[in-house]
N, C-alpha and C. Protein backbone atom coordinates (compact mmCIF):
# COMPACT_ATOMS: atom_id res chain seq x y z
N MET A 1 -11.11 -174.26 90.04
CA MET A 1 -11.84 -175.03 90.26
C MET A 1 -11.76 -176.02 89.56
N LEU A 2 -11.23 -174.62 88.07
CA LEU A 2 -10.78 -176.76 86.75
C LEU A 2 -10.04 -177.27 86.72
N LEU A 3 -9.13 -177.06 87.96
CA LEU A 3 -8.29 -178.00 88.28
C LEU A 3 -8.38 -179.00 88.95
N THR A 4 -9.07 -178.61 89.58
CA THR A 4 -9.94 -179.70 90.62
C THR A 4 -10.84 -180.83 89.82
N LEU A 5 -11.61 -180.27 88.50
CA LEU A 5 -12.22 -180.94 87.94
C LEU A 5 -11.44 -181.91 87.14
N LEU A 6 -10.25 -181.15 86.51
CA LEU A 6 -9.28 -182.06 85.89
C LEU A 6 -8.92 -183.65 86.72
N LEU A 7 -7.98 -182.69 87.58
CA LEU A 7 -7.24 -183.96 89.02
C LEU A 7 -8.61 -184.63 89.38
N GLN A 8 -9.94 -184.12 89.26
CA GLN A 8 -10.99 -185.54 89.79
C GLN A 8 -11.07 -186.39 88.13
N ALA A 9 -11.22 -186.46 87.48
CA ALA A 9 -10.94 -186.58 86.42
C ALA A 9 -10.27 -187.97 85.87
N ARG A 10 -9.26 -188.09 86.14
CA ARG A 10 -7.74 -188.97 85.82
C ARG A 10 -7.64 -189.37 87.30
N PRO A 11 -7.34 -190.33 87.12
CA PRO A 11 -6.16 -190.96 88.11
C PRO A 11 -4.51 -190.41 88.36
N ALA A 12 -4.98 -190.39 89.54
CA ALA A 12 -3.40 -189.90 89.77
C ALA A 12 -2.06 -190.45 88.77
N GLY A 13 -2.03 -191.78 88.79
CA GLY A 13 -0.52 -192.03 87.59
C GLY A 13 -0.67 -191.73 86.17
N GLU A 14 -1.89 -191.44 85.88
CA GLU A 14 -1.97 -190.79 84.09
C GLU A 14 -2.06 -190.17 83.53
N SER A 15 -1.89 -189.20 84.13
CA SER A 15 -1.98 -187.71 84.00
C SER A 15 -0.67 -186.98 83.22
N TRP A 16 0.14 -187.42 83.45
CA TRP A 16 1.28 -187.00 82.87
C TRP A 16 1.25 -187.74 81.36
N VAL A 17 0.77 -189.07 81.43
CA VAL A 17 -0.26 -189.75 79.78
C VAL A 17 -0.28 -189.01 78.68
N SER A 18 -1.11 -188.12 79.49
CA SER A 18 -2.13 -187.29 78.20
C SER A 18 -1.35 -186.46 77.54
N PHE A 19 0.25 -185.18 78.40
CA PHE A 19 0.25 -184.77 77.39
C PHE A 19 1.86 -185.33 76.51
N LEU A 20 2.04 -186.49 76.76
CA LEU A 20 2.34 -187.34 75.32
C LEU A 20 2.16 -186.35 74.33
N PRO A 21 1.16 -186.51 73.90
CA PRO A 21 1.13 -186.20 72.12
C PRO A 21 1.77 -184.74 72.38
N LEU A 22 1.08 -184.09 72.67
CA LEU A 22 1.57 -182.87 72.76
C LEU A 22 3.40 -182.96 72.60
N ILE A 23 3.69 -183.29 73.90
CA ILE A 23 4.97 -182.57 73.19
C ILE A 23 5.64 -183.44 72.18
N GLY A 24 5.09 -184.68 71.77
CA GLY A 24 4.97 -185.66 70.21
C GLY A 24 5.28 -184.64 69.65
N ILE A 25 4.15 -183.95 69.25
CA ILE A 25 3.57 -183.13 68.52
C ILE A 25 4.59 -181.45 68.40
N ALA A 26 5.30 -181.29 69.15
CA ALA A 26 6.27 -180.37 69.60
C ALA A 26 7.52 -180.55 68.87
N VAL A 27 7.61 -182.04 69.80
CA VAL A 27 9.66 -182.28 68.89
C VAL A 27 9.23 -182.78 67.27
N VAL A 28 8.76 -182.74 66.63
CA VAL A 28 8.22 -182.58 65.63
C VAL A 28 8.39 -181.72 64.42
N MET A 29 7.44 -181.06 65.16
CA MET A 29 7.33 -179.46 65.20
C MET A 29 8.81 -178.78 64.70
N TYR A 30 9.40 -179.04 65.28
CA TYR A 30 10.71 -178.53 65.93
C TYR A 30 12.01 -179.22 65.03
N PHE A 31 11.64 -180.53 64.61
CA PHE A 31 12.46 -181.22 63.55
C PHE A 31 12.10 -181.07 62.02
N PHE A 32 11.02 -180.64 61.60
CA PHE A 32 10.68 -180.57 60.32
C PHE A 32 10.21 -179.13 60.01
N MET A 33 10.06 -178.53 60.85
CA MET A 33 9.75 -177.06 60.19
C MET A 33 10.83 -175.63 61.23
N ILE A 34 10.62 -176.20 62.06
CA ILE A 34 11.39 -174.99 62.65
C ILE A 34 13.16 -175.14 62.38
N ARG A 35 14.04 -176.36 62.83
CA ARG A 35 15.09 -176.28 62.39
C ARG A 35 15.45 -176.40 61.29
N PRO A 36 15.48 -176.87 60.25
CA PRO A 36 15.94 -176.78 58.53
C PRO A 36 15.85 -175.33 58.08
N GLN A 37 14.81 -173.93 58.57
CA GLN A 37 14.44 -173.29 58.89
C GLN A 37 15.68 -172.06 59.44
N GLN A 38 16.20 -172.40 60.67
CA GLN A 38 17.11 -172.03 61.02
C GLN A 38 18.52 -172.33 60.37
N ARG A 39 18.55 -173.34 58.99
CA ARG A 39 19.47 -173.45 58.60
C ARG A 39 19.35 -172.89 57.44
N LYS A 40 18.66 -172.51 56.55
CA LYS A 40 18.32 -172.13 55.76
C LYS A 40 19.13 -170.54 55.72
N ALA A 41 18.91 -169.93 57.09
CA ALA A 41 19.00 -168.45 57.19
C ALA A 41 20.07 -168.50 57.13
N ALA A 42 20.79 -169.34 58.26
CA ALA A 42 22.52 -169.96 58.51
C ALA A 42 23.32 -169.97 57.29
N GLU A 43 22.91 -170.30 56.35
CA GLU A 43 23.29 -170.76 54.63
C GLU A 43 23.25 -169.51 54.08
N ALA A 44 22.26 -168.80 54.84
CA ALA A 44 22.24 -167.42 53.44
C ALA A 44 22.74 -166.33 53.68
N LYS A 45 22.99 -166.62 55.43
CA LYS A 45 23.99 -165.26 56.07
C LYS A 45 25.10 -166.10 55.75
N ARG A 46 26.23 -166.79 55.70
CA ARG A 46 27.12 -167.76 55.30
C ARG A 46 27.51 -166.87 54.08
N PHE A 47 26.47 -167.14 53.17
CA PHE A 47 26.10 -166.43 51.84
C PHE A 47 27.02 -164.76 51.78
N ARG A 48 26.04 -163.95 52.14
CA ARG A 48 25.64 -163.09 51.89
C ARG A 48 27.47 -162.61 52.62
N ASP A 49 27.83 -163.07 53.47
CA ASP A 49 29.37 -162.14 54.29
C ASP A 49 29.98 -163.33 53.82
N SER A 50 30.44 -163.92 52.61
CA SER A 50 31.34 -164.30 51.60
C SER A 50 31.20 -163.59 49.51
N ILE A 51 30.18 -162.29 50.10
CA ILE A 51 30.29 -162.54 48.68
C ILE A 51 31.70 -161.09 48.28
N ALA A 52 32.22 -161.09 47.13
CA ALA A 52 33.56 -160.85 46.94
C ALA A 52 32.94 -160.25 46.34
N LYS A 53 33.99 -159.08 45.73
CA LYS A 53 34.48 -157.90 44.79
C LYS A 53 34.75 -158.78 43.40
N GLY A 54 34.09 -158.57 42.69
CA GLY A 54 34.52 -159.15 41.26
C GLY A 54 32.67 -160.82 40.67
N SER A 55 32.45 -160.78 41.77
CA SER A 55 31.42 -161.86 41.67
C SER A 55 29.96 -161.89 41.09
N THR A 56 29.67 -162.38 40.25
CA THR A 56 28.35 -161.61 39.17
C THR A 56 27.29 -162.42 40.62
N ILE A 57 26.37 -160.96 40.46
CA ILE A 57 25.50 -162.09 41.64
C ILE A 57 23.41 -161.89 40.76
N VAL A 58 22.96 -161.76 41.71
CA VAL A 58 21.43 -161.83 41.18
C VAL A 58 20.67 -161.58 42.48
N THR A 59 20.15 -160.27 42.57
CA THR A 59 19.46 -159.52 43.56
C THR A 59 18.05 -159.97 43.61
N ILE A 60 17.40 -159.96 45.11
CA ILE A 60 15.98 -160.39 45.23
C ILE A 60 14.88 -160.26 44.39
N GLY A 61 15.01 -158.75 44.17
CA GLY A 61 14.36 -158.79 42.65
C GLY A 61 14.85 -159.24 41.43
N GLY A 62 15.57 -159.97 41.53
CA GLY A 62 15.79 -160.86 39.83
C GLY A 62 17.07 -159.61 38.89
N LEU A 63 17.43 -158.79 39.26
CA LEU A 63 18.48 -157.80 38.85
C LEU A 63 19.90 -158.45 38.91
N HIS A 64 20.41 -158.77 37.63
CA HIS A 64 22.23 -159.39 37.55
C HIS A 64 22.88 -158.46 37.01
N GLY A 65 24.06 -158.45 38.13
CA GLY A 65 24.98 -157.41 38.20
C GLY A 65 26.64 -158.65 38.37
N LYS A 66 27.77 -157.28 38.24
CA LYS A 66 28.74 -157.18 39.16
C LYS A 66 29.51 -156.63 39.84
N VAL A 67 29.98 -157.67 41.15
CA VAL A 67 29.69 -156.35 42.22
C VAL A 67 31.16 -155.83 42.04
N LEU A 68 31.47 -154.97 42.54
CA LEU A 68 32.36 -153.24 42.25
C LEU A 68 33.30 -153.36 43.81
N ASP A 69 32.05 -153.43 44.60
CA ASP A 69 32.62 -152.74 46.57
C ASP A 69 32.02 -153.36 47.46
N VAL A 70 32.26 -153.45 48.28
CA VAL A 70 31.61 -154.35 49.20
C VAL A 70 31.88 -153.59 50.49
N SER A 71 30.71 -153.10 51.47
CA SER A 71 30.79 -152.93 52.40
C SER A 71 30.27 -153.30 53.70
N ASP A 72 30.08 -153.40 55.23
CA ASP A 72 29.55 -153.99 56.23
C ASP A 72 28.10 -154.32 55.78
N GLU A 73 28.01 -153.34 55.09
CA GLU A 73 26.13 -153.33 55.53
C GLU A 73 25.68 -153.71 53.92
N SER A 74 26.26 -153.10 52.85
CA SER A 74 25.75 -152.52 51.36
C SER A 74 26.71 -153.52 50.33
N VAL A 75 26.44 -153.54 49.41
CA VAL A 75 26.77 -153.93 47.96
C VAL A 75 26.53 -152.89 46.40
N THR A 76 28.18 -152.64 45.96
CA THR A 76 28.07 -151.92 44.97
C THR A 76 27.73 -152.37 43.69
N ILE A 77 26.98 -152.71 43.24
CA ILE A 77 26.72 -153.98 41.72
C ILE A 77 26.80 -153.09 40.31
N GLU A 78 27.16 -153.62 39.17
CA GLU A 78 27.11 -152.68 38.24
C GLU A 78 26.70 -154.08 37.25
N VAL A 79 25.56 -153.05 36.86
CA VAL A 79 24.63 -153.86 35.91
C VAL A 79 24.86 -153.26 34.74
N ASP A 80 25.60 -152.69 34.04
CA ASP A 80 25.85 -152.32 32.71
C ASP A 80 26.91 -151.03 32.86
N ARG A 81 27.79 -151.09 31.78
CA ARG A 81 28.95 -150.17 30.88
C ARG A 81 28.21 -149.01 31.97
N GLY A 82 28.72 -148.46 33.23
CA GLY A 82 28.84 -147.41 33.74
C GLY A 82 27.62 -147.22 35.24
N THR A 83 26.81 -148.31 34.84
CA THR A 83 25.20 -148.12 35.48
C THR A 83 25.63 -148.74 37.08
N ARG A 84 25.72 -147.98 38.08
CA ARG A 84 26.48 -148.35 39.40
C ARG A 84 25.12 -148.19 40.47
N LEU A 85 24.65 -149.10 41.32
CA LEU A 85 23.49 -149.79 41.65
C LEU A 85 24.28 -150.47 43.38
N LYS A 86 23.61 -149.26 44.14
CA LYS A 86 23.74 -149.59 45.63
C LYS A 86 22.25 -150.79 46.16
N PHE A 87 23.07 -151.36 46.68
CA PHE A 87 22.25 -152.79 47.50
C PHE A 87 22.23 -153.01 48.95
N ASP A 88 21.37 -153.61 50.14
CA ASP A 88 21.49 -153.68 51.06
C ASP A 88 22.67 -155.39 50.86
N ARG A 89 22.81 -156.21 51.89
CA ARG A 89 23.82 -157.32 51.58
C ARG A 89 22.46 -158.37 51.49
N SER A 90 21.18 -158.12 52.51
CA SER A 90 20.49 -158.88 53.00
C SER A 90 19.72 -158.96 50.99
N ALA A 91 19.88 -158.08 50.19
CA ALA A 91 19.15 -158.29 49.07
C ALA A 91 19.68 -158.69 47.81
N ILE A 92 20.78 -159.69 48.41
CA ILE A 92 21.16 -160.72 47.14
C ILE A 92 20.96 -162.04 47.28
N ALA A 93 20.43 -162.32 46.12
CA ALA A 93 19.62 -163.29 46.65
C ALA A 93 20.97 -164.91 45.96
N ARG A 94 21.88 -164.38 45.43
CA ARG A 94 22.40 -165.70 44.74
C ARG A 94 23.52 -165.77 43.78
N GLU A 95 24.44 -166.10 43.91
CA GLU A 95 25.74 -166.13 42.86
C GLU A 95 25.34 -166.55 41.84
N VAL A 96 25.92 -165.76 40.58
CA VAL A 96 25.48 -167.06 39.39
C VAL A 96 26.44 -167.86 38.89
N LYS A 97 27.00 -168.44 38.64
CA LYS A 97 28.47 -169.22 38.05
C LYS A 97 28.62 -169.03 36.66
N PRO A 98 29.32 -168.62 36.20
CA PRO A 98 30.06 -168.74 34.85
C PRO A 98 29.26 -170.13 33.56
N ALA A 99 28.55 -170.72 33.19
CA ALA A 99 28.19 -171.23 32.11
C ALA A 99 29.09 -171.85 31.92
N LYS A 100 29.40 -173.03 31.94
CA LYS A 100 30.73 -173.98 31.25
C LYS A 100 30.35 -174.03 29.18
N GLU A 101 31.27 -173.53 28.81
CA GLU A 101 30.81 -173.88 27.18
C GLU A 101 30.36 -175.42 26.80
N THR A 102 30.18 -175.66 25.82
CA THR A 102 29.62 -177.29 25.31
C THR A 102 30.01 -176.80 24.23
N ILE A 103 30.59 -178.42 23.63
CA ILE A 103 31.09 -178.10 22.07
C ILE A 103 30.55 -179.29 21.44
N THR A 104 29.77 -178.76 20.54
CA THR A 104 28.84 -179.39 19.72
C THR A 104 29.64 -179.89 18.28
N ASN A 105 29.52 -180.86 17.97
CA ASN A 105 29.76 -181.75 16.50
C ASN A 105 29.53 -181.66 15.62
């Protein structure tokens, strides 16, 4: 019943034109929301796969430490002399690069 009302209300040649704004919105959402999020997730996965022994990292909780051991699903870090903690790879947020020393006159 609803379909017949919709078909009667519009001329036959213009029915597809009414869907163009919806298609446009879907395309814009894909390129501005979904695609960047997928790219960011892929970069995070590549980073977590590249974690190596000896790297200085920061966890998502803000804990700084040096990587001692890396396995398939977890990373063991040393946060202080003799204090070792084991984290999932997904809990690693970023790697800390050593700060460059500045020379002051």
